[in-house]
Structure formats: C-alpha cells, structure tokens
Amino acid sequence: MFVPYMRASASRVERFNAAHRLHNPNWSDEKNASFFGLCNNENYHGHNYRLIVKVTGEVDPESGYLLDLKLLKDIIRSEVTQRFDHKNLNLDVPDFKGLNPTAENIAYVAWHRIRKQLDNKLVLHITLYETERNFIEYDGQ
C-alpha cells in the first residue's frame, strides 16, 4: 500500500464567555479611561469569545491522523475553556494576576497552556475572536 508523506493542519473551534476590565494599575484613572474607553469599566464587561486552535504537522502514515481530535478537544477544554468560561478573568483566573486580560494576552495565555500539552513536533496557531469583527492571531512568536 502506498503511504504518502503528508503535512496537514487540523483545527478545533471552542467558545467561552468571560468578563474582564482593561486597566493598567501604573496609570492614572484618567489615562486608563482615556486609553481603554468603555473596556475600562470598573464594573467589568463581558465577551462571547470564539477560540480556533490550529495544529499543523506530519500525518502519521499508519493511522492517517495528524492527531486525535478528541485529544485536542480535551486539551482545549481543560487548559482554556474550563478555566476561563463564565469567569471574571481579572479576579478568578490566576493566569491574569498582574497581566492585563486584553485579547492579545488571553491568546498568549491560551497558546502557552495548550502548547505544553501537545507533542513538540506539532506547530500551534490560535485565533481568538473577541467580537465578530475583532480577533487576534498568535503562534508563539
């Protein structure tokens, strides 16, 4: 049986809802309000986030799999969704103690949490939608 060398990508979409406040404690209240606008609301605000996790690598010629997508689902859920969903990121998630929970930083934290659970031969890229029109992409660089 002919087994081709194949490089492929597999993606998984997950969702979570979370509240946050964008605030730099080193800035004055006026500067925070001016810079972050409504996102600096002292009573927080929330988003319905959509996370796309893309993994790229060599397909195993014996199984035909890049990786087991159930494993990817379980990793995303344990490392991101269960930790962030229905939480106040500023108050409830230790990853954001001292880290402003911007979309960029949420993507960064999610990438690093997922990365440590994947085989090193796989390339990881994530896309985090904060709104339908605003999203961040991060690949560890």
C-alpha atoms as a PDB file:
ATOM      1  CA  MET A   1       0.000   0.000   0.000  1.00  0.00           C
ATOM      2  CA  PHE A   2       1.346   3.421  -0.959  1.00  0.00           C
ATOM      3  CA  VAL A   3       1.595   5.763   2.034  1.00  0.00           C
ATOM      4  CA  PRO A   4       2.217   9.390   1.035  1.00  0.00           C
ATOM      5  CA  TYR A   5       4.170  11.884   3.076  1.00  0.00           C
ATOM      6  CA  MET A   6       1.615  14.470   4.043  1.00  0.00           C
ATOM      7  CA  ARG A   7       1.701  17.639   6.066  1.00  0.00           C
ATOM      8  CA  ALA A   8      -1.703  18.866   7.169  1.00  0.00           C
ATOM      9  CA  SER A   9      -3.491  21.144   9.605  1.00  0.00           C
ATOM     10  CA  ALA A  10      -6.407  20.305  11.860  1.00  0.00           C
ATOM     11  CA  SER A  11      -8.484  22.919  13.657  1.00  0.00           C
ATOM     12  CA  ARG A  12     -10.931  22.923  16.527  1.00  0.00           C
ATOM     13  CA  VAL A  13     -13.344  25.705  17.477  1.00  0.00           C
ATOM     14  CA  GLU A  14     -14.365  26.253  21.084  1.00  0.00           C
ATOM     15  CA  ARG A  15     -16.275  29.057  22.788  1.00  0.00           C
ATOM     16  CA  PHE A  16     -16.218  30.630  26.218  1.00  0.00           C
ATOM     17  CA  ASN A  17     -17.853  33.611  27.869  1.00  0.00           C
ATOM     18  CA  ALA A  18     -15.856  35.772  30.229  1.00  0.00           C
ATOM     19  CA  ALA A  19     -15.773  39.208  31.825  1.00  0.00           C
ATOM     20  CA  HIS A  20     -12.762  41.468  32.145  1.00  0.00           C
ATOM     21  CA  ARG A  21     -11.629  45.005  32.725  1.00  0.00           C
ATOM     22  CA  LEU A  22      -8.751  46.511  30.802  1.00  0.00           C
ATOM     23  CA  HIS A  23      -6.762  48.535  33.282  1.00  0.00           C
ATOM     24  CA  ASN A  24      -3.110  49.372  33.835  1.00  0.00           C
ATOM     25  CA  PRO A  25      -2.512  49.900  37.577  1.00  0.00           C
ATOM     26  CA  ASN A  26       0.547  52.026  36.795  1.00  0.00           C
ATOM     27  CA  TRP A  27      -1.607  54.610  35.024  1.00  0.00           C
ATOM     28  CA  SER A  28      -3.962  57.187  36.476  1.00  0.00           C
ATOM     29  CA  ASP A  29      -7.710  56.546  36.342  1.00  0.00           C
ATOM     30  CA  GLU A  30      -7.954  59.318  33.756  1.00  0.00           C
ATOM     31  CA  LYS A  31      -5.319  57.772  31.489  1.00  0.00           C
ATOM     32  CA  ASN A  32      -6.915  54.309  31.796  1.00  0.00           C
ATOM     33  CA  ALA A  33     -10.343  55.721  30.950  1.00  0.00           C
ATOM     34  CA  SER A  34      -8.949  57.684  28.026  1.00  0.00           C
ATOM     35  CA  PHE A  35      -6.893  54.815  26.610  1.00  0.00           C
ATOM     36  CA  PHE A  36      -9.200  51.823  27.201  1.00  0.00           C
ATOM     37  CA  GLY A  37     -12.548  53.647  26.953  1.00  0.00           C
ATOM     38  CA  LEU A  38     -15.581  51.513  27.760  1.00  0.00           C
ATOM     39  CA  CYS A  39     -13.322  48.492  28.290  1.00  0.00           C
ATOM     40  CA  ASN A  40     -12.054  50.192  31.466  1.00  0.00           C
ATOM     41  CA  ASN A  41     -15.496  49.998  33.134  1.00  0.00           C
ATOM     42  CA  GLU A  42     -14.752  49.470  36.827  1.00  0.00           C
ATOM     43  CA  ASN A  43     -17.677  47.009  36.995  1.00  0.00           C
ATOM     44  CA  TYR A  44     -16.193  44.927  34.145  1.00  0.00           C
ATOM     45  CA  HIS A  45     -17.784  43.873  30.855  1.00  0.00           C
ATOM     46  CA  GLY A  46     -18.038  40.579  29.011  1.00  0.00           C
ATOM     47  CA  HIS A  47     -17.460  38.915  25.664  1.00  0.00           C
ATOM     48  CA  ASN A  48     -18.525  35.731  23.928  1.00  0.00           C
ATOM     49  CA  TYR A  49     -15.098  34.550  22.795  1.00  0.00           C
ATOM     50  CA  ARG A  50     -14.503  32.134  19.947  1.00  0.00           C
ATOM     51  CA  LEU A  51     -11.186  30.272  20.002  1.00  0.00           C
ATOM     52  CA  ILE A  52      -9.825  28.482  16.943  1.00  0.00           C
ATOM     53  CA  VAL A  53      -6.923  26.154  17.648  1.00  0.00           C
ATOM     54  CA  LYS A  54      -4.973  25.050  14.570  1.00  0.00           C
ATOM     55  CA  VAL A  55      -2.342  22.317  14.749  1.00  0.00           C
ATOM     56  CA  THR A  56      -0.010  21.575  11.819  1.00  0.00           C
ATOM     57  CA  GLY A  57       2.370  18.705  11.317  1.00  0.00           C
ATOM     58  CA  GLU A  58       3.103  15.439   9.585  1.00  0.00           C
ATOM     59  CA  VAL A  59       0.260  12.965   9.213  1.00  0.00           C
ATOM     60  CA  ASP A  60       1.081   9.566  10.699  1.00  0.00           C
ATOM     61  CA  PRO A  61       1.216   7.159   7.740  1.00  0.00           C
ATOM     62  CA  GLU A  62      -0.096   4.223   9.792  1.00  0.00           C
ATOM     63  CA  SER A  63      -3.153   5.853  11.364  1.00  0.00           C
ATOM     64  CA  GLY A  64      -3.777   8.559   8.784  1.00  0.00           C
ATOM     65  CA  TYR A  65      -4.134  11.035  11.689  1.00  0.00           C
ATOM     66  CA  LEU A  66      -2.307  14.257  12.337  1.00  0.00           C
ATOM     67  CA  LEU A  67      -3.571  13.905  15.906  1.00  0.00           C
ATOM     68  CA  ASP A  68      -6.659  12.599  17.622  1.00  0.00           C
ATOM     69  CA  LEU A  69      -9.130  15.496  17.535  1.00  0.00           C
ATOM     70  CA  LYS A  70     -10.781  14.248  20.716  1.00  0.00           C
ATOM     71  CA  LEU A  71      -7.434  14.695  22.451  1.00  0.00           C
ATOM     72  CA  LEU A  72      -7.208  18.240  21.063  1.00  0.00           C
ATOM     73  CA  LYS A  73     -10.756  18.944  22.272  1.00  0.00           C
ATOM     74  CA  ASP A  74      -9.927  17.649  25.749  1.00  0.00           C
ATOM     75  CA  ILE A  75      -6.735  19.742  25.932  1.00  0.00           C
ATOM     76  CA  ILE A  76      -8.533  22.942  24.902  1.00  0.00           C
ATOM     77  CA  ARG A  77     -11.332  22.347  27.345  1.00  0.00           C
ATOM     78  CA  SER A  78      -9.083  21.545  30.308  1.00  0.00           C
ATOM     79  CA  GLU A  79      -6.482  24.244  29.637  1.00  0.00           C
ATOM     80  CA  VAL A  80      -8.700  27.093  28.435  1.00  0.00           C
ATOM     81  CA  THR A  81     -12.458  26.657  28.339  1.00  0.00           C
ATOM     82  CA  GLN A  82     -12.965  25.267  31.846  1.00  0.00           C
ATOM     83  CA  ARG A  83     -10.543  27.822  33.300  1.00  0.00           C
ATOM     84  CA  PHE A  84     -11.964  30.902  31.530  1.00  0.00           C
ATOM     85  CA  ASP A  85     -15.652  30.181  30.853  1.00  0.00           C
ATOM     86  CA  HIS A  86     -18.097  32.219  32.934  1.00  0.00           C
ATOM     87  CA  LYS A  87     -15.242  33.754  34.899  1.00  0.00           C
ATOM     88  CA  ASN A  88     -14.067  37.244  35.610  1.00  0.00           C
ATOM     89  CA  LEU A  89     -10.595  36.997  34.099  1.00  0.00           C
ATOM     90  CA  ASN A  90      -9.209  39.752  36.335  1.00  0.00           C
ATOM     91  CA  LEU A  91     -10.472  38.216  39.578  1.00  0.00           C
ATOM     92  CA  ASP A  92     -10.987  34.487  39.020  1.00  0.00           C
ATOM     93  CA  VAL A  93      -8.155  33.340  36.759  1.00  0.00           C
ATOM     94  CA  PRO A  94      -4.666  33.219  38.299  1.00  0.00           C
ATOM     95  CA  ASP A  95      -3.049  33.494  34.844  1.00  0.00           C
ATOM     96  CA  PHE A  96      -4.137  37.144  34.763  1.00  0.00           C
ATOM     97  CA  LYS A  97      -2.854  38.218  38.163  1.00  0.00           C
ATOM     98  CA  GLY A  98      -0.592  41.060  37.095  1.00  0.00           C
ATOM     99  CA  LEU A  99      -1.430  40.561  33.391  1.00  0.00           C
ATOM    100  CA  ASN A 100      -3.994  42.822  31.731  1.00  0.00           C
ATOM    101  CA  PRO A 101      -6.573  40.450  30.136  1.00  0.00           C
ATOM    102  CA  THR A 102      -6.526  42.014  26.674  1.00  0.00           C
ATOM    103  CA  ALA A 103      -7.415  39.767  23.745  1.00  0.00           C
ATOM    104  CA  GLU A 104      -3.695  39.637  22.964  1.00  0.00           C
ATOM    105  CA  ASN A 105      -2.859  38.404  26.456  1.00  0.00           C
ATOM    106  CA  ILE A 106      -5.756  35.938  26.517  1.00  0.00           C
ATOM    107  CA  ALA A 107      -4.458  34.478  23.241  1.00  0.00           C
ATOM    108  CA  TYR A 108      -0.935  34.350  24.697  1.00  0.00           C
ATOM    109  CA  VAL A 109      -2.055  32.521  27.840  1.00  0.00           C
ATOM    110  CA  ALA A 110      -4.258  30.104  25.881  1.00  0.00           C
ATOM    111  CA  TRP A 111      -1.438  29.314  23.434  1.00  0.00           C
ATOM    112  CA  HIS A 112       1.057  28.581  26.218  1.00  0.00           C
ATOM    113  CA  ARG A 113      -1.409  26.428  28.157  1.00  0.00           C
ATOM    114  CA  ILE A 114      -2.246  24.362  25.057  1.00  0.00           C
ATOM    115  CA  ARG A 115       1.356  24.221  23.788  1.00  0.00           C
ATOM    116  CA  LYS A 116       2.634  22.468  26.912  1.00  0.00           C
ATOM    117  CA  GLN A 117       0.138  19.630  26.336  1.00  0.00           C
ATOM    118  CA  LEU A 118       0.994  18.978  22.654  1.00  0.00           C
ATOM    119  CA  ASP A 119       3.769  16.977  21.063  1.00  0.00           C
ATOM    120  CA  ASN A 120       6.651  19.336  20.213  1.00  0.00           C
ATOM    121  CA  LYS A 121       6.640  18.220  16.558  1.00  0.00           C
ATOM    122  CA  LEU A 122       3.263  19.938  16.094  1.00  0.00           C
ATOM    123  CA  VAL A 123       3.022  23.624  15.192  1.00  0.00           C
ATOM    124  CA  LEU A 124       0.340  25.510  17.122  1.00  0.00           C
ATOM    125  CA  HIS A 125      -1.535  28.589  15.905  1.00  0.00           C
ATOM    126  CA  ILE A 126      -4.538  30.114  17.621  1.00  0.00           C
ATOM    127  CA  THR A 127      -7.096  32.692  16.614  1.00  0.00           C
ATOM    128  CA  LEU A 128      -9.173  34.355  19.317  1.00  0.00           C
ATOM    129  CA  TYR A 129     -12.303  36.280  18.351  1.00  0.00           C
ATOM    130  CA  GLU A 130     -13.300  38.814  20.982  1.00  0.00           C
ATOM    131  CA  THR A 131     -16.176  40.042  18.802  1.00  0.00           C
ATOM    132  CA  GLU A 132     -17.425  39.028  15.354  1.00  0.00           C
ATOM    133  CA  ARG A 133     -15.103  41.579  13.786  1.00  0.00           C
ATOM    134  CA  ASN A 134     -12.150  41.767  16.198  1.00  0.00           C
ATOM    135  CA  PHE A 135      -9.718  38.896  16.542  1.00  0.00           C
ATOM    136  CA  ILE A 136      -6.128  38.142  17.482  1.00  0.00           C
ATOM    137  CA  GLU A 137      -3.853  35.512  15.967  1.00  0.00           C
ATOM    138  CA  TYR A 138      -0.912  34.095  17.894  1.00  0.00           C
ATOM    139  CA  ASP A 139       1.626  31.406  17.074  1.00  0.00           C
ATOM    140  CA  GLY A 140       4.117  31.712  19.921  1.00  0.00           C
ATOM    141  CA  GLN A 141       6.261  34.467  18.485  1.00  0.00           C
END
